């Protein structure tokens, strides 16, 4: 519910995308694509628990980065809870590196496109 409320409030700058595998909904993403600062963020990337650890997250990130390239992004950021070792592992495998910044209690990472 929080994400849907956030998507409504920031509807001018975010886009929601469903993530499907074999015609089955496995997750979704919320992307900040029209930030006045020209910063591009993956605000949410959620893969349903039953579909985790089989590569859908990595594949979704590749597609998201391809999308960001088409809108002119040169750099993409995302953040995650510092205790979420699994998420950090996936993001690192996709090329994201820590920036040294924190967003609230979350670790900020980025990738150059």
PDB file of N, CA and C in Angstrom:
ATOM      1  N   UNK A   1       0.820  -1.186   0.000  1.00  0.00           N
ATOM      2  CA  UNK A   1       0.000   0.000   0.000  1.00  0.00           C
ATOM      3  C   UNK A   1       0.873   1.263   0.000  1.00  0.00           C
ATOM      4  N   UNK A   2       1.960   1.215   0.741  1.00  0.00           N
ATOM      5  CA  UNK A   2       2.847   2.371   0.822  1.00  0.00           C
ATOM      6  C   UNK A   2       3.371   2.740  -0.571  1.00  0.00           C
ATOM      7  N   UNK A   3       3.809   1.733  -1.313  1.00  0.00           N
ATOM      8  CA  UNK A   3       4.350   1.982  -2.648  1.00  0.00           C
ATOM      9  C   UNK A   3       3.285   2.559  -3.569  1.00  0.00           C
ATOM     10  N   UNK A   4       2.070   2.052  -3.493  1.00  0.00           N
ATOM     11  CA  UNK A   4       1.006   2.559  -4.348  1.00  0.00           C
ATOM     12  C   UNK A   4       0.680   4.016  -3.994  1.00  0.00           C
ATOM     13  N   UNK A   5       0.679   4.332  -2.716  1.00  0.00           N
ATOM     14  CA  UNK A   5       0.446   5.718  -2.297  1.00  0.00           C
ATOM     15  C   UNK A   5       1.575   6.611  -2.798  1.00  0.00           C
ATOM     16  N   UNK A   6       2.797   6.139  -2.666  1.00  0.00           N
ATOM     17  CA  UNK A   6       3.950   6.893  -3.137  1.00  0.00           C
ATOM     18  C   UNK A   6       3.884   7.102  -4.655  1.00  0.00           C
ATOM     19  N   UNK A   7       3.479   6.070  -5.370  1.00  0.00           N
ATOM     20  CA  UNK A   7       3.366   6.170  -6.822  1.00  0.00           C
ATOM     21  C   UNK A   7       2.328   7.216  -7.213  1.00  0.00           C
ATOM     22  N   UNK A   8       1.271   7.308  -6.456  1.00  0.00           N
ATOM     23  CA  UNK A   8       0.243   8.311  -6.748  1.00  0.00           C
ATOM     24  C   UNK A   8       0.772   9.725  -6.459  1.00  0.00           C
ATOM     25  N   UNK A   9       1.384   9.878  -5.317  1.00  0.00           N
ATOM     26  CA  UNK A   9       1.893  11.197  -4.926  1.00  0.00           C
ATOM     27  C   UNK A   9       2.952  11.691  -5.918  1.00  0.00           C
ATOM     28  N   UNK A  10       3.824  10.799  -6.363  1.00  0.00           N
ATOM     29  CA  UNK A  10       4.920  11.175  -7.266  1.00  0.00           C
ATOM     30  C   UNK A  10       4.632  10.764  -8.712  1.00  0.00           C
ATOM     31  N   UNK A  11       3.372  10.724  -9.095  1.00  0.00           N
ATOM     32  CA  UNK A  11       2.977  10.238 -10.419  1.00  0.00           C
ATOM     33  C   UNK A  11       3.597  11.020 -11.569  1.00  0.00           C
ATOM     34  N   UNK A  12       4.056  12.226 -11.317  1.00  0.00           N
ATOM     35  CA  UNK A  12       4.683  13.018 -12.378  1.00  0.00           C
ATOM     36  C   UNK A  12       6.113  12.567 -12.672  1.00  0.00           C
ATOM     37  N   UNK A  13       6.729  11.832 -11.744  1.00  0.00           N
ATOM     38  CA  UNK A  13       8.139  11.481 -11.923  1.00  0.00           C
ATOM     39  C   UNK A  13       8.427   9.980 -11.897  1.00  0.00           C
ATOM     40  N   UNK A  14       7.484   9.160 -11.453  1.00  0.00           N
ATOM     41  CA  UNK A  14       7.764   7.722 -11.362  1.00  0.00           C
ATOM     42  C   UNK A  14       6.968   6.946 -12.396  1.00  0.00           C
ATOM     43  N   UNK A  15       7.519   5.791 -12.716  1.00  0.00           N
ATOM     44  CA  UNK A  15       6.834   4.841 -13.580  1.00  0.00           C
ATOM     45  C   UNK A  15       6.860   3.486 -12.891  1.00  0.00           C
ATOM     46  N   UNK A  16       5.730   2.798 -12.972  1.00  0.00           N
ATOM     47  CA  UNK A  16       5.620   1.449 -12.423  1.00  0.00           C
ATOM     48  C   UNK A  16       5.681   0.446 -13.562  1.00  0.00           C
ATOM     49  N   UNK A  17       6.391  -0.644 -13.329  1.00  0.00           N
ATOM     50  CA  UNK A  17       6.493  -1.708 -14.325  1.00  0.00           C
ATOM     51  C   UNK A  17       6.246  -3.054 -13.644  1.00  0.00           C
ATOM     52  N   UNK A  18       5.395  -3.856 -14.253  1.00  0.00           N
ATOM     53  CA  UNK A  18       5.195  -5.226 -13.796  1.00  0.00           C
ATOM     54  C   UNK A  18       6.326  -6.078 -14.359  1.00  0.00           C
ATOM     55  N   UNK A  19       6.721  -7.079 -13.613  1.00  0.00           N
ATOM     56  CA  UNK A  19       7.778  -7.992 -14.049  1.00  0.00           C
ATOM     57  C   UNK A  19       7.144  -9.373 -14.236  1.00  0.00           C
ATOM     58  N   UNK A  20       7.185  -9.849 -15.463  1.00  0.00           N
ATOM     59  CA  UNK A  20       6.595 -11.137 -15.803  1.00  0.00           C
ATOM     60  C   UNK A  20       7.670 -12.118 -16.231  1.00  0.00           C
ATOM     61  N   UNK A  21       7.424 -13.399 -15.948  1.00  0.00           N
ATOM     62  CA  UNK A  21       8.250 -14.492 -16.450  1.00  0.00           C
ATOM     63  C   UNK A  21       7.281 -15.580 -16.892  1.00  0.00           C
ATOM     64  N   UNK A  22       7.405 -15.985 -18.131  1.00  0.00           N
ATOM     65  CA  UNK A  22       6.511 -17.019 -18.667  1.00  0.00           C
ATOM     66  C   UNK A  22       5.043 -16.681 -18.432  1.00  0.00           C
ATOM     67  N   UNK A  23       4.675 -15.439 -18.731  1.00  0.00           N
ATOM     68  CA  UNK A  23       3.294 -14.951 -18.589  1.00  0.00           C
ATOM     69  C   UNK A  23       2.767 -14.968 -17.156  1.00  0.00           C
ATOM     70  N   UNK A  24       3.668 -15.028 -16.185  1.00  0.00           N
ATOM     71  CA  UNK A  24       3.263 -15.006 -14.782  1.00  0.00           C
ATOM     72  C   UNK A  24       3.894 -13.791 -14.098  1.00  0.00           C
ATOM     73  N   UNK A  25       3.068 -13.060 -13.357  1.00  0.00           N
ATOM     74  CA  UNK A  25       3.569 -11.896 -12.623  1.00  0.00           C
ATOM     75  C   UNK A  25       4.473 -12.371 -11.502  1.00  0.00           C
ATOM     76  N   UNK A  26       5.735 -11.895 -11.516  1.00  0.00           N
ATOM     77  CA  UNK A  26       6.691 -12.314 -10.490  1.00  0.00           C
ATOM     78  C   UNK A  26       7.158 -11.160  -9.620  1.00  0.00           C
ATOM     79  N   UNK A  27       6.861  -9.913 -10.037  1.00  0.00           N
ATOM     80  CA  UNK A  27       7.292  -8.775  -9.242  1.00  0.00           C
ATOM     81  C   UNK A  27       6.936  -7.466  -9.914  1.00  0.00           C
ATOM     82  N   UNK A  28       7.502  -6.387  -9.391  1.00  0.00           N
ATOM     83  CA  UNK A  28       7.293  -5.072  -9.995  1.00  0.00           C
ATOM     84  C   UNK A  28       8.447  -4.151  -9.635  1.00  0.00           C
ATOM     85  N   UNK A  29       8.513  -3.057 -10.386  1.00  0.00           N
ATOM     86  CA  UNK A  29       9.512  -2.040 -10.088  1.00  0.00           C
ATOM     87  C   UNK A  29       8.867  -0.667 -10.165  1.00  0.00           C
ATOM     88  N   UNK A  30       9.443   0.260  -9.427  1.00  0.00           N
ATOM     89  CA  UNK A  30       9.037   1.660  -9.482  1.00  0.00           C
ATOM     90  C   UNK A  30      10.316   2.462  -9.723  1.00  0.00           C
ATOM     91  N   UNK A  31      10.305   3.215 -10.824  1.00  0.00           N
ATOM     92  CA  UNK A  31      11.489   3.935 -11.250  1.00  0.00           C
ATOM     93  C   UNK A  31      11.244   5.431 -11.233  1.00  0.00           C
ATOM     94  N   UNK A  32      12.221   6.174 -10.770  1.00  0.00           N
ATOM     95  CA  UNK A  32      12.201   7.640 -10.814  1.00  0.00           C
ATOM     96  C   UNK A  32      12.874   8.028 -12.123  1.00  0.00           C
ATOM     97  N   UNK A  33      12.072   8.471 -13.090  1.00  0.00           N
ATOM     98  CA  UNK A  33      12.601   8.740 -14.425  1.00  0.00           C
ATOM     99  C   UNK A  33      12.541  10.206 -14.828  1.00  0.00           C
ATOM    100  N   UNK A  34      11.973  11.041 -14.006  1.00  0.00           N
ATOM    101  CA  UNK A  34      11.827  12.451 -14.387  1.00  0.00           C
ATOM    102  C   UNK A  34      12.150  13.366 -13.216  1.00  0.00           C
ATOM    103  N   UNK A  35      13.256  13.077 -12.582  1.00  0.00           N
ATOM    104  CA  UNK A  35      13.674  13.856 -11.428  1.00  0.00           C
ATOM    105  C   UNK A  35      14.232  15.190 -11.898  1.00  0.00           C
ATOM    106  N   UNK A  36      13.817  16.301 -11.286  1.00  0.00           N
ATOM    107  CA  UNK A  36      14.334  17.614 -11.700  1.00  0.00           C
ATOM    108  C   UNK A  36      15.854  17.733 -11.603  1.00  0.00           C
ATOM    109  N   UNK A  37      16.477  16.920 -10.764  1.00  0.00           N
ATOM    110  CA  UNK A  37      17.937  16.971 -10.623  1.00  0.00           C
ATOM    111  C   UNK A  37      18.629  16.092 -11.665  1.00  0.00           C
ATOM    112  N   UNK A  38      17.860  15.487 -12.555  1.00  0.00           N
ATOM    113  CA  UNK A  38      18.394  14.540 -13.546  1.00  0.00           C
ATOM    114  C   UNK A  38      19.061  13.351 -12.878  1.00  0.00           C
ATOM    115  N   UNK A  39      18.542  12.953 -11.751  1.00  0.00           N
ATOM    116  CA  UNK A  39      18.999  11.738 -11.088  1.00  0.00           C
ATOM    117  C   UNK A  39      17.989  10.644 -11.384  1.00  0.00           C
ATOM    118  N   UNK A  40      18.473   9.484 -11.695  1.00  0.00           N
ATOM    119  CA  UNK A  40      17.621   8.354 -12.014  1.00  0.00           C
ATOM    120  C   UNK A  40      17.788   7.300 -10.923  1.00  0.00           C
ATOM    121  N   UNK A  41      16.649   6.849 -10.385  1.00  0.00           N
ATOM    122  CA  UNK A  41      16.664   5.928  -9.251  1.00  0.00           C
ATOM    123  C   UNK A  41      15.748   4.735  -9.509  1.00  0.00           C
ATOM    124  N   UNK A  42      16.172   3.598  -9.022  1.00  0.00           N
ATOM    125  CA  UNK A  42      15.265   2.461  -8.874  1.00  0.00           C
ATOM    126  C   UNK A  42      14.720   2.585  -7.461  1.00  0.00           C
ATOM    127  N   UNK A  43      13.478   3.047  -7.351  1.00  0.00           N
ATOM    128  CA  UNK A  43      12.880   3.239  -6.030  1.00  0.00           C
ATOM    129  C   UNK A  43      12.464   1.907  -5.424  1.00  0.00           C
ATOM    130  N   UNK A  44      11.942   1.025  -6.235  1.00  0.00           N
ATOM    131  CA  UNK A  44      11.516  -0.287  -5.754  1.00  0.00           C
ATOM    132  C   UNK A  44      11.856  -1.325  -6.800  1.00  0.00           C
ATOM    133  N   UNK A  45      12.306  -2.450  -6.335  1.00  0.00           N
ATOM    134  CA  UNK A  45      12.419  -3.655  -7.154  1.00  0.00           C
ATOM    135  C   UNK A  45      12.019  -4.792  -6.235  1.00  0.00           C
ATOM    136  N   UNK A  46      10.860  -5.333  -6.490  1.00  0.00           N
ATOM    137  CA  UNK A  46      10.344  -6.378  -5.610  1.00  0.00           C
ATOM    138  C   UNK A  46      10.017  -7.615  -6.433  1.00  0.00           C
ATOM    139  N   UNK A  47      10.607  -8.715  -6.029  1.00  0.00           N
ATOM    140  CA  UNK A  47      10.325 -10.013  -6.619  1.00  0.00           C
ATOM    141  C   UNK A  47       9.623 -10.832  -5.543  1.00  0.00           C
ATOM    142  N   UNK A  48       8.464 -11.398  -5.891  1.00  0.00           N
ATOM    143  CA  UNK A  48       7.707 -12.198  -4.938  1.00  0.00           C
ATOM    144  C   UNK A  48       8.586 -13.303  -4.358  1.00  0.00           C
ATOM    145  N   UNK A  49       8.403 -13.560  -3.084  1.00  0.00           N
ATOM    146  CA  UNK A  49       9.252 -14.513  -2.358  1.00  0.00           C
ATOM    147  C   UNK A  49       9.375 -15.863  -3.078  1.00  0.00           C
ATOM    148  N   UNK A  50       8.284 -16.352  -3.629  1.00  0.00           N
ATOM    149  CA  UNK A  50       8.333 -17.671  -4.281  1.00  0.00           C
ATOM    150  C   UNK A  50       9.159 -17.677  -5.574  1.00  0.00           C
ATOM    151  N   UNK A  51       9.486 -16.485  -6.091  1.00  0.00           N
ATOM    152  CA  UNK A  51      10.251 -16.392  -7.327  1.00  0.00           C
ATOM    153  C   UNK A  51      11.667 -15.861  -7.112  1.00  0.00           C
ATOM    154  N   UNK A  52      12.081 -15.744  -5.861  1.00  0.00           N
ATOM    155  CA  UNK A  52      13.422 -15.236  -5.576  1.00  0.00           C
ATOM    156  C   UNK A  52      14.465 -16.342  -5.736  1.00  0.00           C
ATOM    157  N   UNK A  53      15.695 -15.900  -5.946  1.00  0.00           N
ATOM    158  CA  UNK A  53      16.866 -16.788  -6.043  1.00  0.00           C
ATOM    159  C   UNK A  53      16.860 -17.668  -7.283  1.00  0.00           C
ATOM    160  N   UNK A  54      16.167 -17.228  -8.343  1.00  0.00           N
ATOM    161  CA  UNK A  54      16.212 -17.981  -9.600  1.00  0.00           C
ATOM    162  C   UNK A  54      16.548 -17.076 -10.791  1.00  0.00           C
ATOM    163  N   UNK A  55      17.032 -15.865 -10.503  1.00  0.00           N
ATOM    164  CA  UNK A  55      17.552 -15.000 -11.550  1.00  0.00           C
ATOM    165  C   UNK A  55      16.620 -13.914 -12.056  1.00  0.00           C
ATOM    166  N   UNK A  56      15.387 -13.868 -11.594  1.00  0.00           N
ATOM    167  CA  UNK A  56      14.461 -12.855 -12.084  1.00  0.00           C
ATOM    168  C   UNK A  56      14.885 -11.440 -11.684  1.00  0.00           C
ATOM    169  N   UNK A  57      15.439 -11.284 -10.508  1.00  0.00           N
ATOM    170  CA  UNK A  57      15.894  -9.969 -10.071  1.00  0.00           C
ATOM    171  C   UNK A  57      16.996  -9.432 -10.962  1.00  0.00           C
ATOM    172  N   UNK A  58      17.988 -10.264 -11.255  1.00  0.00           N
ATOM    173  CA  UNK A  58      19.093  -9.838 -12.123  1.00  0.00           C
ATOM    174  C   UNK A  58      18.591  -9.502 -13.523  1.00  0.00           C
ATOM    175  N   UNK A  59      17.716 -10.337 -14.038  1.00  0.00           N
ATOM    176  CA  UNK A  59      17.184 -10.086 -15.381  1.00  0.00           C
ATOM    177  C   UNK A  59      16.368  -8.800 -15.402  1.00  0.00           C
ATOM    178  N   UNK A  60      15.594  -8.566 -14.345  1.00  0.00           N
ATOM    179  CA  UNK A  60      14.805  -7.333 -14.252  1.00  0.00           C
ATOM    180  C   UNK A  60      15.727  -6.118 -14.217  1.00  0.00           C
ATOM    181  N   UNK A  61      16.815  -6.199 -13.473  1.00  0.00           N
ATOM    182  CA  UNK A  61      17.755  -5.074 -13.396  1.00  0.00           C
ATOM    183  C   UNK A  61      18.338  -4.777 -14.777  1.00  0.00           C
ATOM    184  N   UNK A  62      18.703  -5.823 -15.527  1.00  0.00           N
ATOM    185  CA  UNK A  62      19.228  -5.604 -16.878  1.00  0.00           C
ATOM    186  C   UNK A  62      18.213  -4.855 -17.736  1.00  0.00           C
ATOM    187  N   UNK A  63      16.951  -5.267 -17.679  1.00  0.00           N
ATOM    188  CA  UNK A  63      15.905  -4.604 -18.467  1.00  0.00           C
ATOM    189  C   UNK A  63      15.675  -3.171 -17.993  1.00  0.00           C
ATOM    190  N   UNK A  64      15.723  -2.966 -16.686  1.00  0.00           N
ATOM    191  CA  UNK A  64      15.554  -1.620 -16.134  1.00  0.00           C
ATOM    192  C   UNK A  64      16.681  -0.710 -16.600  1.00  0.00           C
ATOM    193  N   UNK A  65      17.915  -1.202 -16.564  1.00  0.00           N
ATOM    194  CA  UNK A  65      19.049  -0.392 -17.008  1.00  0.00           C
ATOM    195  C   UNK A  65      18.966  -0.100 -18.501  1.00  0.00           C
ATOM    196  N   UNK A  66      18.487  -1.060 -19.276  1.00  0.00           N
ATOM    197  CA  UNK A  66      18.267  -0.806 -20.704  1.00  0.00           C
ATOM    198  C   UNK A  66      17.241   0.309 -20.880  1.00  0.00           C
ATOM    199  N   UNK A  67      16.175   0.250 -20.094  1.00  0.00           N
ATOM    200  CA  UNK A  67      15.142   1.299 -20.177  1.00  0.00           C
ATOM    201  C   UNK A  67      15.741   2.661 -19.821  1.00  0.00           C
ATOM    202  N   UNK A  68      16.490   2.718 -18.721  1.00  0.00           N
ATOM    203  CA  UNK A  68      17.096   3.993 -18.317  1.00  0.00           C
ATOM    204  C   UNK A  68      18.013   4.537 -19.414  1.00  0.00           C
ATOM    205  N   UNK A  69      18.715   3.666 -20.116  1.00  0.00           N
ATOM    206  CA  UNK A  69      19.570   4.119 -21.214  1.00  0.00           C
ATOM    207  C   UNK A  69      18.752   4.808 -22.297  1.00  0.00           C
ATOM    208  N   UNK A  70      17.544   4.302 -22.547  1.00  0.00           N
ATOM    209  CA  UNK A  70      16.716   4.889 -23.608  1.00  0.00           C
ATOM    210  C   UNK A  70      16.189   6.270 -23.240  1.00  0.00           C
ATOM    211  N   UNK A  71      16.148   6.597 -21.950  1.00  0.00           N
ATOM    212  CA  UNK A  71      15.668   7.928 -21.543  1.00  0.00           C
ATOM    213  C   UNK A  71      16.823   8.878 -21.248  1.00  0.00           C
ATOM    214  N   UNK A  72      18.048   8.445 -21.550  1.00  0.00           N
ATOM    215  CA  UNK A  72      19.197   9.327 -21.440  1.00  0.00           C
ATOM    216  C   UNK A  72      19.954   9.295 -20.133  1.00  0.00           C
ATOM    217  N   UNK A  73      19.646   8.348 -19.274  1.00  0.00           N
ATOM    218  CA  UNK A  73      20.366   8.263 -17.995  1.00  0.00           C
ATOM    219  C   UNK A  73      21.820   7.867 -18.231  1.00  0.00           C
ATOM    220  N   UNK A  74      22.711   8.494 -17.499  1.00  0.00           N
ATOM    221  CA  UNK A  74      24.130   8.155 -17.534  1.00  0.00           C
ATOM    222  C   UNK A  74      24.544   7.414 -16.264  1.00  0.00           C
ATOM    223  N   UNK A  75      23.707   7.541 -15.244  1.00  0.00           N
ATOM    224  CA  UNK A  75      23.984   6.939 -13.938  1.00  0.00           C
ATOM    225  C   UNK A  75      22.638   6.594 -13.304  1.00  0.00           C
ATOM    226  N   UNK A  76      22.573   5.461 -12.623  1.00  0.00           N
ATOM    227  CA  UNK A  76      21.359   5.036 -11.930  1.00  0.00           C
ATOM    228  C   UNK A  76      21.738   4.683 -10.502  1.00  0.00           C
ATOM    229  N   UNK A  77      20.892   5.105  -9.571  1.00  0.00           N
ATOM    230  CA  UNK A  77      21.119   4.812  -8.156  1.00  0.00           C
ATOM    231  C   UNK A  77      19.993   3.953  -7.608  1.00  0.00           C
ATOM    232  N   UNK A  78      20.302   3.261  -6.543  1.00  0.00           N
ATOM    233  CA  UNK A  78      19.302   2.550  -5.760  1.00  0.00           C
ATOM    234  C   UNK A  78      19.821   2.432  -4.342  1.00  0.00           C
ATOM    235  N   UNK A  79      18.932   2.147  -3.427  1.00  0.00           N
ATOM    236  CA  UNK A  79      19.347   1.957  -2.037  1.00  0.00           C
ATOM    237  C   UNK A  79      18.682   0.704  -1.492  1.00  0.00           C
ATOM    238  N   UNK A  80      19.277   0.160  -0.441  1.00  0.00           N
ATOM    239  CA  UNK A  80      18.745  -1.049   0.184  1.00  0.00           C
ATOM    240  C   UNK A  80      19.081  -1.027   1.663  1.00  0.00           C
ATOM    241  N   UNK A  81      18.308  -1.763   2.420  1.00  0.00           N
ATOM    242  CA  UNK A  81      18.563  -1.882   3.851  1.00  0.00           C
ATOM    243  C   UNK A  81      19.939  -2.503   4.064  1.00  0.00           C
ATOM    244  N   UNK A  82      20.711  -1.933   4.978  1.00  0.00           N
ATOM    245  CA  UNK A  82      22.106  -2.365   5.144  1.00  0.00           C
ATOM    246  C   UNK A  82      22.242  -3.828   5.546  1.00  0.00           C
ATOM    247  N   UNK A  83      21.206  -4.415   6.118  1.00  0.00           N
ATOM    248  CA  UNK A  83      21.263  -5.821   6.522  1.00  0.00           C
ATOM    249  C   UNK A  83      20.817  -6.774   5.420  1.00  0.00           C
ATOM    250  N   UNK A  84      20.387  -6.257   4.281  1.00  0.00           N
ATOM    251  CA  UNK A  84      19.892  -7.097   3.193  1.00  0.00           C
ATOM    252  C   UNK A  84      21.065  -7.551   2.322  1.00  0.00           C
ATOM    253  N   UNK A  85      21.759  -8.555   2.814  1.00  0.00           N
ATOM    254  CA  UNK A  85      22.960  -9.067   2.154  1.00  0.00           C
ATOM    255  C   UNK A  85      22.630  -9.662   0.792  1.00  0.00           C
ATOM    256  N   UNK A  86      21.493 -10.337   0.677  1.00  0.00           N
ATOM    257  CA  UNK A  86      21.107 -10.942  -0.600  1.00  0.00           C
ATOM    258  C   UNK A  86      20.909  -9.880  -1.676  1.00  0.00           C
ATOM    259  N   UNK A  87      20.230  -8.794  -1.325  1.00  0.00           N
ATOM    260  CA  UNK A  87      20.014  -7.714  -2.291  1.00  0.00           C
ATOM    261  C   UNK A  87      21.348  -7.104  -2.701  1.00  0.00           C
ATOM    262  N   UNK A  88      22.203  -6.843  -1.732  1.00  0.00           N
ATOM    263  CA  UNK A  88      23.501  -6.252  -2.075  1.00  0.00           C
ATOM    264  C   UNK A  88      24.278  -7.161  -3.021  1.00  0.00           C
ATOM    265  N   UNK A  89      24.217  -8.447  -2.793  1.00  0.00           N
ATOM    266  CA  UNK A  89      24.917  -9.410  -3.650  1.00  0.00           C
ATOM    267  C   UNK A  89      24.422  -9.307  -5.100  1.00  0.00           C
ATOM    268  N   UNK A  90      23.108  -9.281  -5.273  1.00  0.00           N
ATOM    269  CA  UNK A  90      22.531  -9.176  -6.613  1.00  0.00           C
ATOM    270  C   UNK A  90      22.925  -7.858  -7.264  1.00  0.00           C
ATOM    271  N   UNK A  91      22.799  -6.769  -6.524  1.00  0.00           N
ATOM    272  CA  UNK A  91      23.132  -5.461  -7.092  1.00  0.00           C
ATOM    273  C   UNK A  91      24.604  -5.382  -7.465  1.00  0.00           C
ATOM    274  N   UNK A  92      25.451  -5.934  -6.630  1.00  0.00           N
ATOM    275  CA  UNK A  92      26.888  -5.921  -6.910  1.00  0.00           C
ATOM    276  C   UNK A  92      27.193  -6.741  -8.176  1.00  0.00           C
ATOM    277  N   UNK A  93      26.528  -7.888  -8.306  1.00  0.00           N
ATOM    278  CA  UNK A  93      26.729  -8.708  -9.501  1.00  0.00           C
ATOM    279  C   UNK A  93      26.301  -7.972 -10.772  1.00  0.00           C
ATOM    280  N   UNK A  94      25.336  -7.073 -10.640  1.00  0.00           N
ATOM    281  CA  UNK A  94      24.845  -6.301 -11.785  1.00  0.00           C
ATOM    282  C   UNK A  94      25.686  -5.059 -12.049  1.00  0.00           C
ATOM    283  N   UNK A  95      26.681  -4.777 -11.189  1.00  0.00           N
ATOM    284  CA  UNK A  95      27.592  -3.667 -11.426  1.00  0.00           C
ATOM    285  C   UNK A  95      27.404  -2.451 -10.530  1.00  0.00           C
ATOM    286  N   UNK A  96      26.452  -2.498  -9.605  1.00  0.00           N
ATOM    287  CA  UNK A  96      26.259  -1.377  -8.686  1.00  0.00           C
ATOM    288  C   UNK A  96      27.368  -1.368  -7.642  1.00  0.00           C
ATOM    289  N   UNK A  97      27.816  -0.174  -7.289  1.00  0.00           N
ATOM    290  CA  UNK A  97      28.845  -0.007  -6.255  1.00  0.00           C
ATOM    291  C   UNK A  97      28.344   0.988  -5.210  1.00  0.00           C
ATOM    292  N   UNK A  98      28.787   0.798  -4.000  1.00  0.00           N
ATOM    293  CA  UNK A  98      28.411   1.720  -2.919  1.00  0.00           C
ATOM    294  C   UNK A  98      28.973   3.106  -3.183  1.00  0.00           C
ATOM    295  N   UNK A  99      28.170   4.109  -2.861  1.00  0.00           N
ATOM    296  CA  UNK A  99      28.623   5.493  -3.034  1.00  0.00           C
ATOM    297  C   UNK A  99      29.246   6.053  -1.756  1.00  0.00           C
ATOM    298  N   UNK A 100      28.974   5.409  -0.632  1.00  0.00           N
ATOM    299  CA  UNK A 100      29.397   5.949   0.657  1.00  0.00           C
ATOM    300  C   UNK A 100      28.291   6.767   1.306  1.00  0.00           C
ATOM    301  N   UNK A 101      27.216   7.019   0.563  1.00  0.00           N
ATOM    302  CA  UNK A 101      26.081   7.780   1.090  1.00  0.00           C
ATOM    303  C   UNK A 101      25.047   6.839   1.695  1.00  0.00           C
ATOM    304  N   UNK A 102      24.223   7.423   2.540  1.00  0.00           N
ATOM    305  CA  UNK A 102      23.083   6.710   3.113  1.00  0.00           C
ATOM    306  C   UNK A 102      21.829   7.499   2.773  1.00  0.00           C
ATOM    307  N   UNK A 103      20.755   6.807   2.553  1.00  0.00           N
ATOM    308  CA  UNK A 103      19.440   7.431   2.365  1.00  0.00           C
ATOM    309  C   UNK A 103      18.576   6.906   3.495  1.00  0.00           C
ATOM    310  N   UNK A 104      18.349   7.746   4.498  1.00  0.00           N
ATOM    311  CA  UNK A 104      17.750   7.300   5.757  1.00  0.00           C
ATOM    312  C   UNK A 104      18.631   6.181   6.301  1.00  0.00           C
ATOM    313  N   UNK A 105      18.102   4.979   6.469  1.00  0.00           N
ATOM    314  CA  UNK A 105      18.918   3.882   6.997  1.00  0.00           C
ATOM    315  C   UNK A 105      19.406   2.952   5.892  1.00  0.00           C
ATOM    316  N   UNK A 106      19.292   3.390   4.658  1.00  0.00           N
ATOM    317  CA  UNK A 106      19.643   2.536   3.537  1.00  0.00           C
ATOM    318  C   UNK A 106      20.968   2.926   2.890  1.00  0.00           C
ATOM    319  N   UNK A 107      21.682   1.920   2.405  1.00  0.00           N
ATOM    320  CA  UNK A 107      22.953   2.089   1.712  1.00  0.00           C
ATOM    321  C   UNK A 107      22.653   2.493   0.264  1.00  0.00           C
ATOM    322  N   UNK A 108      23.301   3.531  -0.220  1.00  0.00           N
ATOM    323  CA  UNK A 108      23.101   3.995  -1.597  1.00  0.00           C
ATOM    324  C   UNK A 108      24.192   3.388  -2.480  1.00  0.00           C
ATOM    325  N   UNK A 109      23.739   2.869  -3.632  1.00  0.00           N
ATOM    326  CA  UNK A 109      24.663   2.345  -4.640  1.00  0.00           C
ATOM    327  C   UNK A 109      24.344   2.992  -5.979  1.00  0.00           C
ATOM    328  N   UNK A 110      25.280   2.885  -6.905  1.00  0.00           N
ATOM    329  CA  UNK A 110      25.051   3.459  -8.229  1.00  0.00           C
ATOM    330  C   UNK A 110      25.784   2.644  -9.280  1.00  0.00           C
ATOM    331  N   UNK A 111      25.358   2.854 -10.506  1.00  0.00           N
ATOM    332  CA  UNK A 111      26.017   2.235 -11.653  1.00  0.00           C
ATOM    333  C   UNK A 111      26.114   3.292 -12.745  1.00  0.00           C
ATOM    334  N   UNK A 112      27.235   3.294 -13.436  1.00  0.00           N
ATOM    335  CA  UNK A 112      27.428   4.186 -14.580  1.00  0.00           C
ATOM    336  C   UNK A 112      26.973   3.435 -15.824  1.00  0.00           C
ATOM    337  N   UNK A 113      26.189   4.109 -16.650  1.00  0.00           N
ATOM    338  CA  UNK A 113      25.710   3.474 -17.884  1.00  0.00           C
ATOM    339  C   UNK A 113      26.559   3.873 -19.075  1.00  0.00           C
TER     340      UNK A 113
END
